Amino acid sequence: MAEKLQLPNVTLAAMTSVDIYETIKAMEYSMRQITFGDVVLITHRRPLTLPKCIRYSHTSKLDNIDKFNYKIVYELGEHIHTDYMLLVHADGFVVHPESWQDAFFKYDYIGSPWPMPTDEHAYYDAKGQI
């Protein structure tokens, strides 16, 4: 078996109030061949089945997509204690850790498309930054 990839400056994170058991399994699967600097599940109540290797961090219940989106954009950083973060979901997690490249650290976002704004308010935070 290959040596585990060491990512001490990366937090493996998940934020959810649904499919919590499945999300924990996705996090554990993501950790099979990677040692992260921190691993955190951000949810509205501590799961009884939470492994000791996953830190619990509290947020209010995410009972609709608008709350989830708001918290991901504006509050996620409060739960992260490393320089980088890899966000996973019950249906989206690390499958091929051997594909990791340190070049990923050059980017501030890798994932689904993030559209550029076409007006003066969409995708801007309270400080006017995209």
C-alpha atoms as a PDB file:
ATOM      1  CA  MET A   1       0.000   0.000   0.000  1.00  0.00           C
ATOM      2  CA  ALA A   2       1.295   3.449  -0.913  1.00  0.00           C
ATOM      3  CA  GLU A   3       2.220   5.962   1.759  1.00  0.00           C
ATOM      4  CA  LYS A   4      -0.608   8.353   2.647  1.00  0.00           C
ATOM      5  CA  LEU A   5      -0.542  11.801   1.076  1.00  0.00           C
ATOM      6  CA  GLN A   6       0.258  14.389   3.750  1.00  0.00           C
ATOM      7  CA  LEU A   7      -1.730  17.646   3.507  1.00  0.00           C
ATOM      8  CA  PRO A   8      -1.092  19.378   6.867  1.00  0.00           C
ATOM      9  CA  ASN A   9      -2.278  22.765   5.596  1.00  0.00           C
ATOM     10  CA  VAL A  10      -5.623  21.450   4.253  1.00  0.00           C
ATOM     11  CA  THR A  11      -8.872  20.933   6.164  1.00  0.00           C
ATOM     12  CA  LEU A  12     -11.289  18.309   4.899  1.00  0.00           C
ATOM     13  CA  ALA A  13     -14.702  19.853   5.569  1.00  0.00           C
ATOM     14  CA  ALA A  14     -18.383  19.144   5.115  1.00  0.00           C
ATOM     15  CA  MET A  15     -21.319  21.404   5.971  1.00  0.00           C
ATOM     16  CA  THR A  16     -24.764  19.832   6.048  1.00  0.00           C
ATOM     17  CA  SER A  17     -27.944  19.141   7.967  1.00  0.00           C
ATOM     18  CA  VAL A  18     -29.063  16.268   5.713  1.00  0.00           C
ATOM     19  CA  ASP A  19     -27.565  12.878   4.888  1.00  0.00           C
ATOM     20  CA  ILE A  20     -25.242  13.237   7.867  1.00  0.00           C
ATOM     21  CA  TYR A  21     -24.389   9.530   8.151  1.00  0.00           C
ATOM     22  CA  GLU A  22     -23.593   9.417   4.422  1.00  0.00           C
ATOM     23  CA  THR A  23     -21.533  12.603   4.710  1.00  0.00           C
ATOM     24  CA  ILE A  24     -19.457  11.077   7.500  1.00  0.00           C
ATOM     25  CA  LYS A  25     -18.867   8.005   5.326  1.00  0.00           C
ATOM     26  CA  ALA A  26     -17.808  10.267   2.439  1.00  0.00           C
ATOM     27  CA  MET A  27     -15.360  12.047   4.752  1.00  0.00           C
ATOM     28  CA  GLU A  28     -13.919   8.752   5.983  1.00  0.00           C
ATOM     29  CA  TYR A  29     -13.577   7.543   2.399  1.00  0.00           C
ATOM     30  CA  SER A  30     -11.802  10.788   1.473  1.00  0.00           C
ATOM     31  CA  MET A  31      -9.320  10.218   4.317  1.00  0.00           C
ATOM     32  CA  ARG A  32      -8.334   6.677   3.267  1.00  0.00           C
ATOM     33  CA  GLN A  33      -5.131   7.737   1.532  1.00  0.00           C
ATOM     34  CA  ILE A  34      -4.793  11.337   2.758  1.00  0.00           C
ATOM     35  CA  THR A  35      -3.827  12.749   6.145  1.00  0.00           C
ATOM     36  CA  PHE A  36      -5.367  16.207   6.449  1.00  0.00           C
ATOM     37  CA  GLY A  37      -4.310  18.917   8.887  1.00  0.00           C
ATOM     38  CA  ASP A  38      -7.876  19.023  10.188  1.00  0.00           C
ATOM     39  CA  VAL A  39     -11.174  17.310   9.435  1.00  0.00           C
ATOM     40  CA  VAL A  40     -14.433  19.028  10.379  1.00  0.00           C
ATOM     41  CA  LEU A  41     -18.125  18.282  10.061  1.00  0.00           C
ATOM     42  CA  ILE A  42     -20.175  21.471  10.335  1.00  0.00           C
ATOM     43  CA  THR A  43     -23.774  20.729  11.235  1.00  0.00           C
ATOM     44  CA  HIS A  44     -26.623  21.642  13.585  1.00  0.00           C
ATOM     45  CA  ARG A  45     -26.093  18.851  16.157  1.00  0.00           C
ATOM     46  CA  ARG A  46     -23.272  16.505  17.032  1.00  0.00           C
ATOM     47  CA  PRO A  47     -23.919  13.066  15.503  1.00  0.00           C
ATOM     48  CA  LEU A  48     -23.688  10.151  17.949  1.00  0.00           C
ATOM     49  CA  THR A  49     -21.708   8.203  15.348  1.00  0.00           C
ATOM     50  CA  LEU A  50     -19.086  10.897  14.725  1.00  0.00           C
ATOM     51  CA  PRO A  51     -15.612   9.311  14.678  1.00  0.00           C
ATOM     52  CA  LYS A  52     -12.983  10.864  16.945  1.00  0.00           C
ATOM     53  CA  CYS A  53     -10.894  11.787  13.907  1.00  0.00           C
ATOM     54  CA  ILE A  54     -13.612  14.218  12.729  1.00  0.00           C
ATOM     55  CA  ARG A  55     -14.107  17.470  14.632  1.00  0.00           C
ATOM     56  CA  TYR A  56     -17.656  18.730  15.163  1.00  0.00           C
ATOM     57  CA  SER A  57     -18.355  22.413  14.588  1.00  0.00           C
ATOM     58  CA  HIS A  58     -21.790  23.879  15.223  1.00  0.00           C
ATOM     59  CA  THR A  59     -23.987  25.839  12.854  1.00  0.00           C
ATOM     60  CA  SER A  60     -27.709  26.490  12.849  1.00  0.00           C
ATOM     61  CA  LYS A  61     -29.875  24.006  10.971  1.00  0.00           C
ATOM     62  CA  LEU A  62     -29.502  24.190   7.204  1.00  0.00           C
ATOM     63  CA  ASP A  63     -33.106  23.512   6.241  1.00  0.00           C
ATOM     64  CA  ASN A  64     -33.062  25.058   2.788  1.00  0.00           C
ATOM     65  CA  ILE A  65     -30.591  25.665  -0.024  1.00  0.00           C
ATOM     66  CA  ASP A  66     -30.527  29.426   0.547  1.00  0.00           C
ATOM     67  CA  LYS A  67     -29.265  28.964   4.122  1.00  0.00           C
ATOM     68  CA  PHE A  68     -26.662  26.475   2.928  1.00  0.00           C
ATOM     69  CA  ASN A  69     -25.433  28.792   0.168  1.00  0.00           C
ATOM     70  CA  TYR A  70     -25.257  31.781   2.524  1.00  0.00           C
ATOM     71  CA  LYS A  71     -23.268  29.878   5.134  1.00  0.00           C
ATOM     72  CA  ILE A  72     -20.895  28.373   2.575  1.00  0.00           C
ATOM     73  CA  VAL A  73     -20.080  31.814   1.183  1.00  0.00           C
ATOM     74  CA  TYR A  74     -20.100  33.940   4.341  1.00  0.00           C
ATOM     75  CA  GLU A  75     -19.511  31.665   7.343  1.00  0.00           C
ATOM     76  CA  LEU A  76     -17.510  28.627   6.227  1.00  0.00           C
ATOM     77  CA  GLY A  77     -14.200  30.330   6.936  1.00  0.00           C
ATOM     78  CA  GLU A  78     -15.061  30.609  10.646  1.00  0.00           C
ATOM     79  CA  HIS A  79     -14.827  26.808  10.904  1.00  0.00           C
ATOM     80  CA  ILE A  80     -11.535  26.369   9.021  1.00  0.00           C
ATOM     81  CA  HIS A  81      -8.182  26.584  10.858  1.00  0.00           C
ATOM     82  CA  THR A  82      -5.767  25.787   8.034  1.00  0.00           C
ATOM     83  CA  ASP A  83      -4.660  27.720   4.949  1.00  0.00           C
ATOM     84  CA  TYR A  84      -6.708  25.562   2.570  1.00  0.00           C
ATOM     85  CA  MET A  85      -9.945  23.616   2.613  1.00  0.00           C
ATOM     86  CA  LEU A  86     -11.375  20.741   0.601  1.00  0.00           C
ATOM     87  CA  LEU A  87     -15.174  20.664   0.812  1.00  0.00           C
ATOM     88  CA  VAL A  88     -16.921  17.325   0.370  1.00  0.00           C
ATOM     89  CA  HIS A  89     -20.540  16.172   0.348  1.00  0.00           C
ATOM     90  CA  ALA A  90     -22.335  12.858   0.739  1.00  0.00           C
ATOM     91  CA  ASP A  91     -22.337  12.592  -3.063  1.00  0.00           C
ATOM     92  CA  GLY A  92     -19.049  14.344  -3.841  1.00  0.00           C
ATOM     93  CA  PHE A  93     -15.787  13.282  -2.210  1.00  0.00           C
ATOM     94  CA  VAL A  94     -12.186  12.203  -2.862  1.00  0.00           C
ATOM     95  CA  VAL A  95     -12.092   9.126  -5.084  1.00  0.00           C
ATOM     96  CA  HIS A  96      -8.609   9.324  -6.631  1.00  0.00           C
ATOM     97  CA  PRO A  97      -6.195  10.827  -4.094  1.00  0.00           C
ATOM     98  CA  GLU A  98      -3.321   9.874  -6.378  1.00  0.00           C
ATOM     99  CA  SER A  99      -4.485  12.665  -8.696  1.00  0.00           C
ATOM    100  CA  TRP A 100      -3.527  15.328  -6.138  1.00  0.00           C
ATOM    101  CA  GLN A 101      -1.193  18.034  -7.441  1.00  0.00           C
ATOM    102  CA  ASP A 102       0.458  20.737  -5.349  1.00  0.00           C
ATOM    103  CA  ALA A 103      -0.386  23.049  -8.261  1.00  0.00           C
ATOM    104  CA  PHE A 104      -3.915  23.117  -6.788  1.00  0.00           C
ATOM    105  CA  PHE A 105      -2.548  25.452  -4.083  1.00  0.00           C
ATOM    106  CA  LYS A 106      -2.130  28.155  -6.753  1.00  0.00           C
ATOM    107  CA  TYR A 107      -5.917  28.510  -7.074  1.00  0.00           C
ATOM    108  CA  ASP A 108      -8.423  30.024  -4.696  1.00  0.00           C
ATOM    109  CA  TYR A 109     -11.273  27.872  -6.023  1.00  0.00           C
ATOM    110  CA  ILE A 110     -11.477  24.608  -7.934  1.00  0.00           C
ATOM    111  CA  GLY A 111     -14.896  23.128  -8.535  1.00  0.00           C
ATOM    112  CA  SER A 112     -18.196  23.903 -10.148  1.00  0.00           C
ATOM    113  CA  PRO A 113     -18.298  27.040 -12.304  1.00  0.00           C
ATOM    114  CA  TRP A 114     -18.612  30.306 -10.409  1.00  0.00           C
ATOM    115  CA  PRO A 115     -20.142  32.808 -12.822  1.00  0.00           C
ATOM    116  CA  MET A 116     -18.765  36.308 -13.102  1.00  0.00           C
ATOM    117  CA  PRO A 117     -21.336  38.957 -12.204  1.00  0.00           C
ATOM    118  CA  THR A 118     -23.219  40.730 -14.941  1.00  0.00           C
ATOM    119  CA  ASP A 119     -24.481  43.512 -12.671  1.00  0.00           C
ATOM    120  CA  GLU A 120     -23.385  45.514  -9.620  1.00  0.00           C
ATOM    121  CA  HIS A 121     -24.875  43.254  -6.918  1.00  0.00           C
ATOM    122  CA  ALA A 122     -24.905  39.556  -7.860  1.00  0.00           C
ATOM    123  CA  TYR A 123     -22.131  37.511  -6.199  1.00  0.00           C
ATOM    124  CA  TYR A 124     -20.840  40.484  -4.175  1.00  0.00           C
ATOM    125  CA  ASP A 125     -20.354  40.358  -0.413  1.00  0.00           C
ATOM    126  CA  ALA A 126     -21.292  43.087   2.067  1.00  0.00           C
ATOM    127  CA  LYS A 127     -17.953  44.797   1.376  1.00  0.00           C
ATOM    128  CA  GLY A 128     -18.557  44.939  -2.371  1.00  0.00           C
ATOM    129  CA  GLN A 129     -16.057  42.185  -3.204  1.00  0.00           C
ATOM    130  CA  ILE A 130     -16.812  39.350  -5.592  1.00  0.00           C
END
